[in-house]
Protein backbone atom coordinates (compact mmCIF):
# COMPACT_ATOMS: atom_id res chain seq x y z
CA UNK A 1 123.75 67.97 6.51
CA UNK A 2 121.13 69.26 4.05
CA UNK A 3 121.76 71.90 1.40
CA UNK A 4 119.04 74.49 1.87
CA UNK A 5 118.24 77.64 -0.05
CA UNK A 6 116.26 80.31 1.78
CA UNK A 7 114.45 82.77 -0.49
CA UNK A 8 113.96 86.05 1.36
CA UNK A 9 116.19 87.96 3.76
CA UNK A 10 113.62 89.60 5.99
CA UNK A 11 113.42 88.72 9.65
CA UNK A 12 111.64 85.41 8.90
CA UNK A 13 114.03 84.20 6.21
CA UNK A 14 117.13 85.28 8.13
CA UNK A 15 115.90 83.72 11.38
CA UNK A 16 115.17 80.46 9.59
CA UNK A 17 118.56 80.49 7.90
CA UNK A 18 120.31 81.22 11.19
CA UNK A 19 118.64 78.34 12.99
CA UNK A 20 119.32 75.91 10.13
CA UNK A 21 122.97 76.94 10.03
CA UNK A 22 123.24 76.51 13.82
CA UNK A 23 122.05 72.92 13.36
CA UNK A 24 124.79 72.19 10.85
CA UNK A 25 122.95 72.56 7.55
CA UNK A 26 124.56 74.27 4.56
CA UNK A 27 122.45 77.36 3.92
CA UNK A 28 122.30 79.76 1.00
CA UNK A 29 120.24 82.97 1.43
CA UNK A 30 118.90 84.69 -1.69
CA UNK A 31 117.43 88.18 -1.80
CA UNK A 32 118.19 91.08 -4.19
CA UNK A 33 117.33 93.62 -1.48
CA UNK A 34 117.99 92.04 1.94
CA UNK A 35 116.34 93.52 4.99
CA UNK A 36 114.28 96.10 3.09
CA UNK A 37 110.75 94.69 3.23
CA UNK A 38 108.08 94.60 5.92
CA UNK A 39 110.66 93.77 8.60
CA UNK A 40 112.41 97.09 7.98
CA UNK A 41 109.17 99.00 8.59
CA UNK A 42 107.88 96.93 11.51
CA UNK A 43 107.42 98.43 14.97
CA UNK A 44 108.78 95.32 16.68
CA UNK A 45 105.99 94.68 19.17
CA UNK A 46 106.23 91.25 20.80
CA UNK A 47 102.61 91.52 21.76
CA UNK A 48 100.44 88.41 21.36
CA UNK A 49 97.91 89.76 23.87
CA UNK A 50 97.82 93.29 22.52
CA UNK A 51 97.31 91.90 19.00
CA UNK A 52 94.62 89.45 20.10
CA UNK A 53 91.43 89.29 18.04
CA UNK A 54 88.35 87.16 18.65
CA UNK A 55 88.64 83.90 16.77
CA UNK A 56 92.45 84.01 16.73
CA UNK A 57 93.11 81.87 19.78
CA UNK A 58 95.56 79.63 17.89
CA UNK A 59 97.53 82.65 16.76
CA UNK A 60 97.67 83.93 20.32
CA UNK A 61 98.89 80.54 21.53
CA UNK A 62 101.66 80.50 18.95
CA UNK A 63 102.53 84.12 19.72
CA UNK A 64 102.94 83.42 23.42
CA UNK A 65 105.08 80.37 22.63
CA UNK A 66 107.31 82.49 20.42
CA UNK A 67 107.43 85.34 22.94
CA UNK A 68 108.95 82.90 25.43
CA UNK A 69 111.78 82.23 22.96
CA UNK A 70 112.68 85.88 22.47
CA UNK A 71 114.85 86.52 25.57
CA UNK A 72 117.32 83.78 24.60
CA UNK A 73 117.11 84.72 20.92
CA UNK A 74 117.77 88.41 21.53
CA UNK A 75 120.67 87.61 23.86
CA UNK A 76 122.22 85.34 21.23
CA UNK A 77 121.97 88.09 18.61
CA UNK A 78 123.18 90.76 21.01
CA UNK A 79 120.12 93.01 20.63
CA UNK A 80 118.23 94.56 23.58
CA UNK A 81 114.65 93.70 24.51
CA UNK A 82 112.36 96.40 25.85
CA UNK A 83 110.56 94.84 28.81
CA UNK A 84 108.05 97.53 29.79
CA UNK A 85 104.93 95.52 28.96
CA UNK A 86 101.99 96.83 26.97
CA UNK A 87 99.39 99.35 28.11
CA UNK A 88 95.95 99.33 26.51
CA UNK A 89 94.16 102.68 26.67
CA UNK A 90 90.83 104.08 25.52
CA UNK A 91 90.01 107.78 25.13
CA UNK A 92 86.22 108.07 25.06
CA UNK A 93 83.36 105.90 26.35
CA UNK A 94 83.20 103.76 23.21
CA UNK A 95 86.96 103.26 23.35
CA UNK A 96 86.65 102.22 27.00
CA UNK A 97 84.17 99.55 25.92
CA UNK A 98 86.70 98.33 23.39
CA UNK A 99 89.29 98.05 26.17
CA UNK A 100 86.80 96.12 28.31
CA UNK A 101 86.02 93.70 25.46
CA UNK A 102 89.70 93.17 24.80
CA UNK A 103 90.41 92.59 28.49
CA UNK A 104 87.57 90.06 28.75
CA UNK A 105 88.89 88.19 25.71
CA UNK A 106 92.39 88.11 27.18
CA UNK A 107 91.04 86.75 30.45
CA UNK A 108 89.22 83.99 28.56
CA UNK A 109 92.43 83.18 26.67
CA UNK A 110 94.48 83.02 29.86
CA UNK A 111 96.68 85.99 28.96
CA UNK A 112 97.83 87.94 32.06
CA UNK A 113 96.27 91.42 32.07
CA UNK A 114 95.45 93.92 34.82
CA UNK A 115 92.65 96.52 34.56
CA UNK A 116 93.81 100.12 35.01
CA UNK A 117 91.78 103.12 36.11
CA UNK A 118 92.42 106.58 34.69
CA UNK A 119 94.74 107.34 37.61
CA UNK A 120 96.52 104.00 37.22
CA UNK A 121 97.07 104.73 33.53
CA UNK A 122 98.64 108.10 34.23
CA UNK A 123 100.86 106.60 36.91
CA UNK A 124 102.12 103.89 34.56
CA UNK A 125 102.35 106.11 31.47
CA UNK A 126 102.65 109.82 32.41
CA UNK A 127 102.76 110.79 28.73
CA UNK A 128 99.09 109.85 28.24
CA UNK A 129 96.39 112.50 27.85
CA UNK A 130 92.70 112.24 28.77
CA UNK A 131 92.26 108.50 28.71
CA UNK A 132 89.31 106.88 30.45
CA UNK A 133 90.17 103.23 30.92
CA UNK A 134 92.95 100.78 30.24
CA UNK A 135 94.81 97.60 31.06
CA UNK A 136 98.38 96.45 31.50
CA UNK A 137 99.86 93.34 29.89
CA UNK A 138 103.04 92.79 31.94
CA UNK A 139 104.57 89.93 29.94
CA UNK A 140 104.86 91.71 26.61
CA UNK A 141 108.06 93.06 25.07
CA UNK A 142 109.34 94.93 22.06
CA UNK A 143 112.50 94.86 19.98
CA UNK A 144 113.98 97.02 17.25
CA UNK A 145 113.61 94.92 14.07
CA UNK A 146 116.31 96.92 12.30
CA UNK A 147 118.80 95.92 14.98
CA UNK A 148 117.70 92.30 14.62
CA UNK A 149 118.12 92.47 10.84
CA UNK A 150 121.56 94.04 11.20
CA UNK A 151 122.66 91.36 13.66
CA UNK A 152 121.46 88.55 11.40
CA UNK A 153 122.92 90.08 8.26
CA UNK A 154 126.27 90.40 10.01
CA UNK A 155 126.24 86.63 10.55
CA UNK A 156 125.23 85.50 7.07
CA UNK A 157 126.00 86.38 3.49
CA UNK A 158 123.06 87.06 1.18
CA UNK A 159 123.23 86.49 -2.54
CA UNK A 160 121.19 88.48 -5.09
CA UNK A 161 120.31 85.35 -7.07
CA UNK A 162 120.31 81.58 -6.65
CA UNK A 163 123.30 79.48 -7.62
CA UNK A 164 124.04 75.78 -7.43
CA UNK A 165 121.99 72.74 -6.51
CA UNK A 166 120.14 72.38 -3.21
CA UNK A 167 118.06 69.70 -1.53
CA UNK A 168 115.35 71.98 -0.13
CA UNK A 169 114.12 75.51 -0.72
CA UNK A 170 112.45 77.59 2.00
CA UNK A 171 110.23 80.35 0.60
CA UNK A 172 110.17 83.35 2.93
CA UNK A 173 109.47 86.18 0.49
CA UNK A 174 106.81 88.08 2.43
CA UNK A 175 103.78 89.37 0.57
CA UNK A 176 104.97 88.21 -2.86
CA UNK A 177 105.38 84.46 -3.23
CA UNK A 178 106.71 82.71 -6.34
CA UNK A 179 104.54 80.39 -8.43
CA UNK A 180 102.56 78.33 -7.67
CA UNK A 181 101.95 80.00 -4.29
CA UNK A 182 100.97 83.69 -4.88
CA UNK A 183 97.30 83.09 -4.13
CA UNK A 184 98.13 82.06 -0.56
CA UNK A 185 99.02 85.58 0.59
CA UNK A 186 97.67 89.06 0.00
CA UNK A 187 99.29 92.42 0.58
CA UNK A 188 97.85 94.47 3.44
CA UNK A 189 99.38 97.94 3.49
CA UNK A 190 100.63 99.33 6.78
CA UNK A 191 101.94 102.87 7.28
CA UNK A 192 104.39 103.70 10.06
CA UNK A 193 105.71 107.02 11.35
CA UNK A 194 108.84 107.54 13.41
CA UNK A 195 109.38 110.67 15.48
CA UNK A 196 112.02 111.89 17.92
CA UNK A 197 110.50 112.82 21.28
CA UNK A 198 111.58 114.04 24.70
CA UNK A 199 108.39 112.59 26.19
CA UNK A 200 108.17 108.98 24.96
CA UNK A 201 106.04 106.29 26.61
CA UNK A 202 107.79 103.97 29.03
CA UNK A 203 106.51 100.88 27.21
CA UNK A 204 104.30 100.00 24.29
CA UNK A 205 100.92 101.73 24.27
CA UNK A 206 98.05 100.40 22.19
CA UNK A 207 95.17 102.83 22.15
CA UNK A 208 91.77 103.50 20.68
CA UNK A 209 91.10 107.16 19.98
CA UNK A 210 87.44 107.74 19.07
CA UNK A 211 87.45 104.39 17.30
CA UNK A 212 90.83 104.84 15.61
CA UNK A 213 93.38 102.22 16.69
CA UNK A 214 96.93 103.48 17.16
CA UNK A 215 100.06 102.23 18.86
CA UNK A 216 103.14 103.94 20.26
CA UNK A 217 106.38 102.01 20.67
CA UNK A 218 109.40 103.62 22.38
CA UNK A 219 112.76 103.01 20.80
CA UNK A 220 116.32 104.09 21.48
CA UNK A 221 118.54 103.94 18.40
CA UNK A 222 122.26 103.37 18.75
CA UNK A 223 122.87 107.13 19.02
CA UNK A 224 120.93 107.22 22.31
CA UNK A 225 118.11 109.51 21.20
CA UNK A 226 114.51 108.72 22.13
CA UNK A 227 112.22 107.80 19.25
CA UNK A 228 108.60 106.71 19.10
CA UNK A 229 107.18 104.47 16.40
CA UNK A 230 103.57 105.37 15.58
CA UNK A 231 101.38 102.96 13.67
CA UNK A 232 99.71 101.45 12.00
CA UNK A 233 97.16 101.77 9.30
CA UNK A 234 95.84 98.56 7.75
CA UNK A 235 94.42 98.67 4.26
CA UNK A 236 93.54 95.93 1.80
CA UNK A 237 94.66 97.12 -1.62
CA UNK A 238 96.07 96.09 -4.98
CA UNK A 239 98.38 99.07 -5.57
CA UNK A 240 101.98 99.58 -4.47
CA UNK A 241 102.54 100.17 -0.76
CA UNK A 242 103.03 103.93 -0.50
CA UNK A 243 102.71 106.44 2.31
CA UNK A 244 99.47 108.41 2.00
CA UNK A 245 98.53 111.83 3.33
CA UNK A 246 95.34 110.37 4.78
CA UNK A 247 97.21 107.59 6.59
CA UNK A 248 99.75 109.98 8.10
CA UNK A 249 97.02 112.43 9.13
CA UNK A 250 95.00 109.76 10.92
CA UNK A 251 98.02 108.39 12.75
CA UNK A 252 99.30 111.78 13.87
CA UNK A 253 95.88 112.97 15.05
CA UNK A 254 95.23 109.80 17.04
CA UNK A 255 98.74 109.70 18.50
CA UNK A 256 98.63 113.38 19.45
CA UNK A 257 95.37 112.95 21.32
CA UNK A 258 96.55 109.80 23.05
CA UNK A 259 99.92 111.31 24.07
CA UNK A 260 99.78 115.13 23.72
CA UNK A 261 103.51 115.56 24.22
CA UNK A 262 104.06 114.05 20.77
CA UNK A 263 102.92 117.36 19.27
CA UNK A 264 106.40 118.62 20.16
CA UNK A 265 108.16 115.68 18.55
CA UNK A 266 110.30 116.06 15.46
CA UNK A 267 109.62 114.03 12.34
CA UNK A 268 112.06 111.27 11.41
CA UNK A 269 110.40 109.03 8.85
CA UNK A 270 107.18 107.78 7.28
CA UNK A 271 107.24 104.41 5.57
CA UNK A 272 104.78 101.92 4.09
CA UNK A 273 105.09 98.22 3.41
CA UNK A 274 102.80 95.33 2.60
CA UNK A 275 102.16 92.81 5.32
CA UNK A 276 101.65 89.27 4.00
CA UNK A 277 98.15 88.22 5.05
CA UNK A 278 96.52 84.80 4.64
CA UNK A 279 92.82 83.85 4.47
CA UNK A 280 92.76 82.94 8.19
CA UNK A 281 95.58 85.30 9.32
CA UNK A 282 97.68 82.32 10.45
CA UNK A 283 101.11 81.94 8.84
CA UNK A 284 102.22 79.23 6.44
CA UNK A 285 105.01 77.23 8.05
CA UNK A 286 105.96 73.82 6.71
CA UNK A 287 105.65 71.63 3.61
CA UNK A 288 104.20 73.30 0.54
CA UNK A 289 102.92 70.23 -1.30
CA UNK A 290 106.13 70.02 -3.32
CA UNK A 291 108.70 67.62 -1.88
CA UNK A 292 111.56 70.08 -2.19
CA UNK A 293 109.83 73.31 -1.02
CA UNK A 294 108.91 74.54 2.46
CA UNK A 295 106.99 77.75 3.17
CA UNK A 296 107.74 80.27 5.90
CA UNK A 297 105.33 82.99 4.87
CA UNK A 298 102.04 84.76 5.54
CA UNK A 299 102.91 86.16 8.97
CA UNK A 300 100.71 89.27 8.53
CA UNK A 301 101.14 91.53 11.63
CA UNK A 302 103.22 88.97 13.53
CA UNK A 303 106.46 88.42 11.61
CA UNK A 304 108.78 89.83 14.26
CA UNK A 305 106.97 88.11 17.12
CA UNK A 306 106.88 84.72 15.38
CA UNK A 307 110.40 84.76 13.93
CA UNK A 308 112.14 82.49 16.48
CA UNK A 309 109.23 80.04 16.58
CA UNK A 310 109.05 79.92 12.78
CA UNK A 311 112.79 79.21 12.65
CA UNK A 312 112.41 76.39 15.15
CA UNK A 313 109.42 74.85 13.34
CA UNK A 314 111.16 74.89 9.95
CA UNK A 315 114.36 73.44 11.38
CA UNK A 316 112.44 70.78 13.31
CA UNK A 317 110.65 69.80 10.12
CA UNK A 318 113.93 69.54 8.20
CA UNK A 319 115.50 67.48 10.98
CA UNK A 320 112.60 65.30 12.13
CA UNK A 321 109.55 65.95 9.96
CA UNK A 322 107.76 67.88 12.73
CA UNK A 323 104.64 69.80 11.64
CA UNK A 324 102.48 72.30 13.59
CA UNK A 325 98.95 71.61 12.27
CA UNK A 326 97.67 75.14 12.90
CA UNK A 327 100.13 76.60 10.39
CA UNK A 328 100.30 73.72 7.90
CA UNK A 329 100.38 75.44 4.48
CA UNK A 330 98.42 72.58 2.95
CA UNK A 331 95.34 73.50 4.95
CA UNK A 332 94.56 75.58 1.85
CA UNK A 333 95.30 72.65 -0.47
CA UNK A 334 98.42 74.21 -1.95
CA UNK A 335 98.75 72.86 -5.50
CA UNK A 336 101.88 71.06 -6.55
CA UNK A 337 103.74 72.38 -9.54
CA UNK A 338 106.22 71.28 -12.11
């Protein structure tokens, strides 16, 4: 049994702590504001194909591996998975070309995806407006991150500050890492809107609306109402993560054109958080260069998706020294520190 301190009680830190505790380690979780960071704002898409970008084949591979872990993980936590797949949709001719490029890249990467005509799109997602072309990714899922956080927090106590001696520290503090690691991540602001709608999509919709990317994620809170999460802007910046009028305007305009029924929705919330990006957009999971510190950080847009895999990789490293080379933090030559 190893004494392990986990810094950070977002979905990554809590998932890591939960897996370590399941394997018999003594775990202390430290966070002055548990469950309030990027995980609280996240839409919860389990969408390695929908999030695919050229040059990110390794990230897609890891995402699909983690997606396969989610059914068992969600069942263990007692949280529901939404299994409606992901629809890609483009509004104008240029957006249709974007859908075609994305579909071709998914085919090359071996990700299951089916082209959809305009009629097929409307059959699968009646809430859509005048879309021209699309695709369906049947394997993808979504989850409510706030329900995941609540389930994990109900299983573990979180302390506001560290106390006592430990053998190993796992740093999972999102977009703000302690010294000597801050240079490894950067804050990328994302803005999210939540609305209550009587015409939500059946599954996740990722659209391009005259070049503006937007996604719609259906959600049913515990009270049984139908909500839609609309996101997400992505902005490199040095200031605090705050909701902006421009960000909200762009999201609402794009969402309203993609799914016109959302014009009748009622506003619930707008929120902004920093995503923790890395130079290559792959996370940092494993040894930091210091013998007593592991990193579980830099998950950028993929923290919810990669949570169960990250937990497994950290626990496997603690138990057996296993390391996934693609996410080795020392690929950036992390400096040691006193």
